[in-house]
Amino acid sequence: MTESVAYMSEEGVLFKELPPNPMFELTPLYKRHELSDEEILDTARTMPVINGATMEQAYVLFARAILKKAESK
């Protein structure tokens, strides 16, 4: 699923969400991409073994890999 998450009016006003009744035309600025469970698991399987890393460091590396995968969709 892909949904827009920010919009800008012709006058340059930025909206984080689409107003329920926009008074002017809005342009989507960027989209959020969702990954399926299988895509997340595939990404996890490609992660290198992290020797000596704390669990927090491993979570950060995994989160960055997931974000990179979502951006590439």
Protein backbone atom coordinates (compact mmCIF):
# COMPACT_ATOMS: atom_id res chain seq x y z
CA MET A 1 0.00 0.00 0.00
CA THR A 2 1.22 3.47 -0.83
CA GLU A 3 -0.29 6.61 0.63
CA SER A 4 0.73 10.23 0.47
CA VAL A 5 1.83 11.64 3.79
CA ALA A 6 2.49 15.31 3.03
CA TYR A 7 0.93 17.87 0.71
CA MET A 8 1.66 21.41 -0.49
CA SER A 9 -0.75 24.00 -1.82
CA GLU A 10 -0.06 26.19 -4.85
CA GLU A 11 0.63 29.00 -2.36
CA GLY A 12 3.35 26.92 -0.65
CA VAL A 13 1.39 25.97 2.47
CA LEU A 14 2.53 22.57 3.80
CA PHE A 15 0.02 20.03 5.16
CA LYS A 16 1.06 16.90 7.05
CA GLU A 17 -2.34 15.35 6.38
CA LEU A 18 -4.95 15.82 3.71
CA PRO A 19 -7.62 18.17 5.10
CA PRO A 20 -11.15 16.67 5.12
CA ASN A 21 -12.37 19.38 2.74
CA PRO A 22 -9.43 21.05 0.98
CA MET A 23 -10.22 24.59 -0.12
CA PHE A 24 -7.46 24.54 -2.74
CA GLU A 25 -5.57 22.09 -4.88
CA LEU A 26 -2.87 20.13 -3.03
CA THR A 27 0.14 18.35 -4.49
CA PRO A 28 1.40 15.14 -2.80
CA LEU A 29 5.04 15.59 -1.75
CA TYR A 30 6.08 12.04 -0.89
CA LYS A 31 4.60 8.63 -0.34
CA ARG A 32 4.94 6.05 2.41
CA HIS A 33 5.46 2.48 1.27
CA GLU A 34 4.46 -0.51 3.34
CA LEU A 35 6.33 -3.80 3.29
CA SER A 36 4.72 -7.20 3.55
CA ASP A 37 5.77 -9.59 6.31
CA GLU A 38 7.60 -11.65 3.68
CA GLU A 39 9.56 -8.59 2.48
CA ILE A 40 10.56 -7.82 6.07
CA LEU A 41 11.67 -11.43 6.62
CA ASP A 42 13.63 -11.39 3.34
CA THR A 43 15.39 -8.24 4.51
CA ALA A 44 16.17 -9.85 7.88
CA ARG A 45 17.66 -12.88 6.11
CA THR A 46 20.07 -10.65 4.18
CA MET A 47 21.41 -8.94 7.30
CA PRO A 48 25.05 -9.77 8.06
CA VAL A 49 25.97 -11.46 11.32
CA ILE A 50 26.82 -8.71 13.79
CA ASN A 51 29.56 -9.92 16.11
CA GLY A 52 30.00 -7.86 19.24
CA ALA A 53 27.02 -5.59 18.55
CA THR A 54 24.54 -4.84 21.29
CA MET A 55 20.90 -5.73 20.71
CA GLU A 56 20.13 -2.02 20.35
CA GLN A 57 22.78 -1.64 17.64
CA ALA A 58 21.36 -4.68 15.82
CA TYR A 59 17.85 -3.18 15.98
CA VAL A 60 19.11 0.10 14.51
CA LEU A 61 20.87 -1.68 11.64
CA PHE A 62 17.77 -3.77 10.95
CA ALA A 63 15.51 -0.69 11.03
CA ARG A 64 17.79 1.10 8.57
CA ALA A 65 17.67 -1.92 6.23
CA ILE A 66 13.85 -1.97 6.41
CA LEU A 67 13.64 1.76 5.63
CA LYS A 68 16.02 1.37 2.70
CA LYS A 69 13.89 -1.50 1.34
CA ALA A 70 10.69 0.56 1.67
CA GLU A 71 12.27 3.53 -0.11
CA SER A 72 13.31 1.32 -3.03
CA LYS A 73 9.70 0.23 -3.71
